[in-house]
């Protein structure tokens, strides 16, 4: 049990460092880097949850799928958390493929979203 808690704590530590980096990058105007670090902040939090179960996956999509199935669909986390991790996953992938492209805020059907999309 101690190893599981230690692993989860390590993931939380990584998440905290990613969040701090994301904030610094955003302040510096590095949106691409900030999106990347924001994604890894949330991803590492999901990894910490899975570590408590003794579960681990090598694929990001598998971690997200497990999180949604066991935490969102069961009502432990609200649906907005599924959207957050999914949007960040997509935005990170787009920013990795497109490089430092022009970004703009995208309006969603429900209102203004903080998602960044290539212009």
C-alpha atoms as a PDB file:
ATOM      1  CA  UNK A   1       0.000   0.000   0.000  1.00  0.00           C
ATOM      2  CA  UNK A   2       2.848   2.414   0.764  1.00  0.00           C
ATOM      3  CA  UNK A   3       4.203   1.982  -2.770  1.00  0.00           C
ATOM      4  CA  UNK A   4       0.804   2.871  -4.231  1.00  0.00           C
ATOM      5  CA  UNK A   5       0.565   6.013  -2.090  1.00  0.00           C
ATOM      6  CA  UNK A   6       4.157   6.932  -2.974  1.00  0.00           C
ATOM      7  CA  UNK A   7       3.425   6.546  -6.694  1.00  0.00           C
ATOM      8  CA  UNK A   8       0.240   8.609  -6.418  1.00  0.00           C
ATOM      9  CA  UNK A   9       2.170  11.290  -4.497  1.00  0.00           C
ATOM     10  CA  UNK A  10       4.804  11.339  -7.235  1.00  0.00           C
ATOM     11  CA  UNK A  11       2.103  11.916  -9.851  1.00  0.00           C
ATOM     12  CA  UNK A  12       0.631  14.744  -7.777  1.00  0.00           C
ATOM     13  CA  UNK A  13       4.096  16.280  -7.457  1.00  0.00           C
ATOM     14  CA  UNK A  14       4.492  16.104 -11.233  1.00  0.00           C
ATOM     15  CA  UNK A  15       1.064  17.688 -11.673  1.00  0.00           C
ATOM     16  CA  UNK A  16       1.966  20.561  -9.362  1.00  0.00           C
ATOM     17  CA  UNK A  17       5.196  21.211 -11.285  1.00  0.00           C
ATOM     18  CA  UNK A  18       3.327  21.077 -14.591  1.00  0.00           C
ATOM     19  CA  UNK A  19       0.760  23.582 -13.323  1.00  0.00           C
ATOM     20  CA  UNK A  20       3.486  25.974 -12.154  1.00  0.00           C
ATOM     21  CA  UNK A  21       5.229  25.656 -15.526  1.00  0.00           C
ATOM     22  CA  UNK A  22       1.966  26.188 -17.415  1.00  0.00           C
ATOM     23  CA  UNK A  23       1.346  29.425 -15.534  1.00  0.00           C
ATOM     24  CA  UNK A  24       4.861  30.719 -16.205  1.00  0.00           C
ATOM     25  CA  UNK A  25       4.666  29.823 -19.886  1.00  0.00           C
ATOM     26  CA  UNK A  26       1.289  31.507 -20.228  1.00  0.00           C
ATOM     27  CA  UNK A  27       2.610  34.667 -18.575  1.00  0.00           C
ATOM     28  CA  UNK A  28       5.555  34.554 -20.988  1.00  0.00           C
ATOM     29  CA  UNK A  29       3.251  34.245 -24.005  1.00  0.00           C
ATOM     30  CA  UNK A  30       4.144  30.628 -24.745  1.00  0.00           C
ATOM     31  CA  UNK A  31       0.630  29.319 -25.316  1.00  0.00           C
ATOM     32  CA  UNK A  32       1.814  26.102 -26.941  1.00  0.00           C
ATOM     33  CA  UNK A  33       3.993  25.229 -23.955  1.00  0.00           C
ATOM     34  CA  UNK A  34       1.270  26.235 -21.522  1.00  0.00           C
ATOM     35  CA  UNK A  35      -1.275  23.968 -23.229  1.00  0.00           C
ATOM     36  CA  UNK A  36       1.201  21.094 -23.098  1.00  0.00           C
ATOM     37  CA  UNK A  37       1.978  21.548 -19.406  1.00  0.00           C
ATOM     38  CA  UNK A  38      -1.729  22.072 -18.577  1.00  0.00           C
ATOM     39  CA  UNK A  39      -2.556  18.774 -20.236  1.00  0.00           C
ATOM     40  CA  UNK A  40       0.172  16.965 -18.306  1.00  0.00           C
ATOM     41  CA  UNK A  41      -1.036  18.535 -15.060  1.00  0.00           C
ATOM     42  CA  UNK A  42      -4.492  17.029 -15.541  1.00  0.00           C
ATOM     43  CA  UNK A  43      -3.104  13.784 -16.973  1.00  0.00           C
ATOM     44  CA  UNK A  44      -0.828  13.277 -13.967  1.00  0.00           C
ATOM     45  CA  UNK A  45      -3.786  13.859 -11.625  1.00  0.00           C
ATOM     46  CA  UNK A  46      -5.660  11.104 -13.471  1.00  0.00           C
ATOM     47  CA  UNK A  47      -2.582   8.886 -13.195  1.00  0.00           C
ATOM     48  CA  UNK A  48      -2.555   9.493  -9.426  1.00  0.00           C
ATOM     49  CA  UNK A  49      -6.164   8.296  -9.183  1.00  0.00           C
ATOM     50  CA  UNK A  50      -5.362   5.177 -11.170  1.00  0.00           C
ATOM     51  CA  UNK A  51      -2.260   4.542  -9.055  1.00  0.00           C
ATOM     52  CA  UNK A  52      -4.508   4.356  -5.987  1.00  0.00           C
ATOM     53  CA  UNK A  53      -6.330   1.517  -7.745  1.00  0.00           C
ATOM     54  CA  UNK A  54      -3.059  -0.183  -8.640  1.00  0.00           C
ATOM     55  CA  UNK A  55      -3.828   0.428 -12.320  1.00  0.00           C
ATOM     56  CA  UNK A  56      -1.478   1.831 -14.927  1.00  0.00           C
ATOM     57  CA  UNK A  57      -1.531   2.173 -18.698  1.00  0.00           C
ATOM     58  CA  UNK A  58       1.153   3.039 -21.225  1.00  0.00           C
ATOM     59  CA  UNK A  59      -1.263   4.848 -23.580  1.00  0.00           C
ATOM     60  CA  UNK A  60      -2.747   8.233 -22.769  1.00  0.00           C
ATOM     61  CA  UNK A  61      -6.096   7.316 -24.336  1.00  0.00           C
ATOM     62  CA  UNK A  62      -6.314   4.271 -22.053  1.00  0.00           C
ATOM     63  CA  UNK A  63      -5.763   6.445 -18.967  1.00  0.00           C
ATOM     64  CA  UNK A  64      -8.440   8.881 -20.135  1.00  0.00           C
ATOM     65  CA  UNK A  65     -10.844   6.059 -20.964  1.00  0.00           C
ATOM     66  CA  UNK A  66     -10.347   4.470 -17.538  1.00  0.00           C
ATOM     67  CA  UNK A  67     -10.825   7.830 -15.831  1.00  0.00           C
ATOM     68  CA  UNK A  68     -14.073   8.432 -17.716  1.00  0.00           C
ATOM     69  CA  UNK A  69     -15.431   4.921 -17.121  1.00  0.00           C
ATOM     70  CA  UNK A  70     -14.547   4.657 -13.440  1.00  0.00           C
ATOM     71  CA  UNK A  71     -14.796   8.247 -12.245  1.00  0.00           C
ATOM     72  CA  UNK A  72     -17.018  10.265 -14.586  1.00  0.00           C
ATOM     73  CA  UNK A  73     -19.634   7.691 -15.583  1.00  0.00           C
ATOM     74  CA  UNK A  74     -19.973   6.635 -11.948  1.00  0.00           C
ATOM     75  CA  UNK A  75     -20.601  10.225 -10.858  1.00  0.00           C
ATOM     76  CA  UNK A  76     -17.472  10.620  -8.736  1.00  0.00           C
ATOM     77  CA  UNK A  77     -16.417  13.459 -11.067  1.00  0.00           C
ATOM     78  CA  UNK A  78     -18.780  15.579 -13.134  1.00  0.00           C
ATOM     79  CA  UNK A  79     -18.942  15.401 -16.925  1.00  0.00           C
ATOM     80  CA  UNK A  80     -17.039  18.681 -17.199  1.00  0.00           C
ATOM     81  CA  UNK A  81     -13.881  16.871 -16.054  1.00  0.00           C
ATOM     82  CA  UNK A  82     -14.222  14.456 -18.942  1.00  0.00           C
ATOM     83  CA  UNK A  83     -14.489  17.428 -21.287  1.00  0.00           C
ATOM     84  CA  UNK A  84     -11.509  19.167 -19.703  1.00  0.00           C
ATOM     85  CA  UNK A  85      -9.142  16.224 -20.094  1.00  0.00           C
ATOM     86  CA  UNK A  86     -10.463  15.458 -23.588  1.00  0.00           C
ATOM     87  CA  UNK A  87     -10.128  19.055 -24.772  1.00  0.00           C
ATOM     88  CA  UNK A  88      -6.634  19.374 -23.325  1.00  0.00           C
ATOM     89  CA  UNK A  89      -5.608  16.076 -24.943  1.00  0.00           C
ATOM     90  CA  UNK A  90      -6.850  17.323 -28.329  1.00  0.00           C
ATOM     91  CA  UNK A  91      -5.322  20.784 -27.923  1.00  0.00           C
ATOM     92  CA  UNK A  92      -1.967  19.328 -26.891  1.00  0.00           C
ATOM     93  CA  UNK A  93      -1.965  17.082 -29.951  1.00  0.00           C
ATOM     94  CA  UNK A  94      -2.917  19.956 -32.250  1.00  0.00           C
ATOM     95  CA  UNK A  95      -0.242  22.227 -30.783  1.00  0.00           C
ATOM     96  CA  UNK A  96       2.375  19.485 -31.159  1.00  0.00           C
ATOM     97  CA  UNK A  97       1.471  18.953 -34.819  1.00  0.00           C
ATOM     98  CA  UNK A  98       1.053  22.595 -35.784  1.00  0.00           C
ATOM     99  CA  UNK A  99       3.925  24.086 -33.828  1.00  0.00           C
ATOM    100  CA  UNK A 100       3.761  27.720 -32.763  1.00  0.00           C
ATOM    101  CA  UNK A 101       0.781  28.654 -34.898  1.00  0.00           C
ATOM    102  CA  UNK A 102      -1.600  31.522 -34.344  1.00  0.00           C
ATOM    103  CA  UNK A 103      -4.161  30.637 -31.720  1.00  0.00           C
ATOM    104  CA  UNK A 104      -7.513  32.147 -30.946  1.00  0.00           C
ATOM    105  CA  UNK A 105     -10.240  31.573 -28.416  1.00  0.00           C
ATOM    106  CA  UNK A 106     -13.031  29.433 -29.741  1.00  0.00           C
ATOM    107  CA  UNK A 107     -16.682  30.059 -28.998  1.00  0.00           C
ATOM    108  CA  UNK A 108     -18.581  26.966 -28.022  1.00  0.00           C
ATOM    109  CA  UNK A 109     -22.308  26.410 -28.266  1.00  0.00           C
ATOM    110  CA  UNK A 110     -22.580  26.841 -24.501  1.00  0.00           C
ATOM    111  CA  UNK A 111     -20.657  30.115 -24.465  1.00  0.00           C
ATOM    112  CA  UNK A 112     -17.037  31.129 -24.441  1.00  0.00           C
ATOM    113  CA  UNK A 113     -14.565  28.329 -24.077  1.00  0.00           C
ATOM    114  CA  UNK A 114     -10.967  28.648 -22.952  1.00  0.00           C
ATOM    115  CA  UNK A 115      -9.926  26.107 -25.551  1.00  0.00           C
ATOM    116  CA  UNK A 116      -7.199  27.197 -27.883  1.00  0.00           C
ATOM    117  CA  UNK A 117      -7.566  26.326 -31.536  1.00  0.00           C
ATOM    118  CA  UNK A 118      -5.444  26.980 -34.590  1.00  0.00           C
ATOM    119  CA  UNK A 119      -6.628  29.991 -36.528  1.00  0.00           C
END
